[in-house]
Amino acid sequence: MVNNQKTCTPDQENILYKVGSFPSGHAAVGWAWSLVLIKLFPYKQKEILKRGHDFGESRVICNAHWYSDVEMGRVMGQAVVECLCVNSAFLSDFEEVKKEMSRA
């Protein structure tokens, strides 16, 4: 918003003017989900990672974030997944999800 260009979400521009942009929460969430989903669907890894990557890229394309915001969002998303992968409650739930997905 500092560059005074329009965004893809004009209804949110007033908010974007008031909040910081670093890191991108959208990029963090998109990348984190992709990292979790490839553990469930490793045969779709390429497609899932591309979608997770593109989710963050859309924030730059829409002028909602700088590229560095998106890159750091991905770092944050990966850090969250790394923490989840050593969390016993998450791992237990994840194993149940894997079982459910194999039955589906």
Protein backbone atom coordinates (compact mmCIF):
# COMPACT_ATOMS: atom_id res chain seq x y z
CA MET A 1 0.00 0.00 0.00
CA VAL A 2 2.98 2.31 0.46
CA ASN A 3 3.35 2.45 -3.32
CA ASN A 4 -0.22 3.82 -3.55
CA GLN A 5 -1.27 1.27 -6.15
CA LYS A 6 -4.64 -0.47 -6.17
CA THR A 7 -4.99 -4.01 -4.84
CA CYS A 8 -7.12 -7.01 -5.77
CA THR A 9 -9.12 -6.43 -2.61
CA PRO A 10 -10.23 -2.78 -2.64
CA ASP A 11 -12.61 -3.43 0.25
CA GLN A 12 -9.58 -4.18 2.46
CA GLU A 13 -7.33 -1.30 1.39
CA ASN A 14 -8.16 0.85 4.42
CA ILE A 15 -7.02 -1.99 6.65
CA LEU A 16 -3.87 -2.59 4.59
CA TYR A 17 -2.89 1.07 5.03
CA LYS A 18 -2.99 0.67 8.82
CA VAL A 19 -1.32 -2.71 9.43
CA GLY A 20 2.20 -3.92 8.85
CA SER A 21 2.91 -6.28 6.03
CA PHE A 22 5.75 -8.40 7.40
CA PRO A 23 5.51 -11.38 7.34
CA SER A 24 2.63 -12.41 5.11
CA GLY A 25 0.15 -14.46 7.10
CA HIS A 26 -1.45 -15.72 3.89
CA ALA A 27 1.92 -17.00 2.63
CA ALA A 28 2.64 -18.59 6.02
CA VAL A 29 -0.68 -20.44 6.11
CA GLY A 30 -0.54 -21.47 2.45
CA TRP A 31 2.98 -22.84 2.78
CA ALA A 32 2.28 -24.56 6.11
CA TRP A 33 -0.78 -26.31 4.69
CA SER A 34 1.17 -27.44 1.65
CA LEU A 35 3.93 -28.90 3.85
CA VAL A 36 1.37 -30.81 5.91
CA LEU A 37 -0.59 -31.98 2.88
CA ILE A 38 2.46 -33.43 1.13
CA LYS A 39 2.91 -35.71 4.13
CA LEU A 40 -0.59 -37.04 3.47
CA PHE A 41 -0.34 -37.09 -0.31
CA PRO A 42 3.32 -37.52 -1.26
CA TYR A 43 2.35 -38.61 -4.78
CA LYS A 44 0.92 -35.09 -5.30
CA GLN A 45 3.93 -33.26 -3.82
CA LYS A 46 4.78 -31.23 -6.92
CA GLU A 47 1.23 -29.95 -7.37
CA ILE A 48 0.67 -29.25 -3.68
CA LEU A 49 3.94 -27.35 -3.25
CA LYS A 50 3.22 -25.32 -6.38
CA ARG A 51 -0.19 -24.34 -5.03
CA GLY A 52 1.27 -23.44 -1.64
CA HIS A 53 3.92 -21.34 -3.37
CA ASP A 54 1.37 -19.67 -5.65
CA PHE A 55 -0.85 -18.83 -2.68
CA GLY A 56 1.94 -16.60 -1.39
CA GLU A 57 2.76 -15.21 -4.83
CA SER A 58 -0.82 -14.03 -5.17
CA ARG A 59 -0.19 -11.59 -2.33
CA VAL A 60 2.51 -9.84 -4.36
CA ILE A 61 0.44 -9.93 -7.54
CA CYS A 62 -2.49 -8.38 -5.68
CA ASN A 63 -0.23 -5.66 -4.22
CA ALA A 64 -1.05 -6.72 -0.67
CA HIS A 65 2.57 -7.60 0.20
CA TRP A 66 6.15 -7.09 -0.82
CA TYR A 67 8.03 -10.16 -2.01
CA SER A 68 10.14 -10.20 1.17
CA ASP A 69 6.90 -10.39 3.21
CA VAL A 70 5.91 -13.50 1.29
CA GLU A 71 9.32 -15.12 1.62
CA MET A 72 9.34 -14.57 5.39
CA GLY A 73 5.77 -15.84 5.57
CA ARG A 74 6.98 -19.09 4.03
CA VAL A 75 9.80 -19.27 6.59
CA MET A 76 7.25 -18.79 9.36
CA GLY A 77 4.96 -21.43 7.86
CA GLN A 78 7.80 -23.93 7.72
CA ALA A 79 8.77 -23.14 11.31
CA VAL A 80 5.22 -23.82 12.47
CA VAL A 81 5.15 -27.17 10.68
CA GLU A 82 8.52 -28.11 12.17
CA CYS A 83 7.11 -27.38 15.64
CA LEU A 84 3.98 -29.39 14.89
CA CYS A 85 6.06 -32.36 13.76
CA VAL A 86 7.53 -32.72 17.25
CA ASN A 87 4.24 -32.11 19.06
CA SER A 88 2.84 -35.41 20.35
CA ALA A 89 -0.80 -34.28 20.20
CA PHE A 90 -0.43 -33.17 16.58
CA LEU A 91 1.41 -36.36 15.64
CA SER A 92 -1.28 -38.49 17.23
CA ASP A 93 -4.04 -36.62 15.40
CA PHE A 94 -2.05 -36.73 12.18
CA GLU A 95 -1.72 -40.50 12.39
CA GLU A 96 -5.50 -40.75 12.74
CA VAL A 97 -5.95 -38.51 9.70
CA LYS A 98 -3.56 -40.69 7.70
CA LYS A 99 -5.57 -43.79 8.63
CA GLU A 100 -8.82 -42.08 7.71
CA MET A 101 -7.40 -40.92 4.37
CA SER A 102 -6.15 -44.40 3.53
CA ARG A 103 -9.65 -45.76 4.11
CA ALA A 104 -11.27 -43.05 1.96
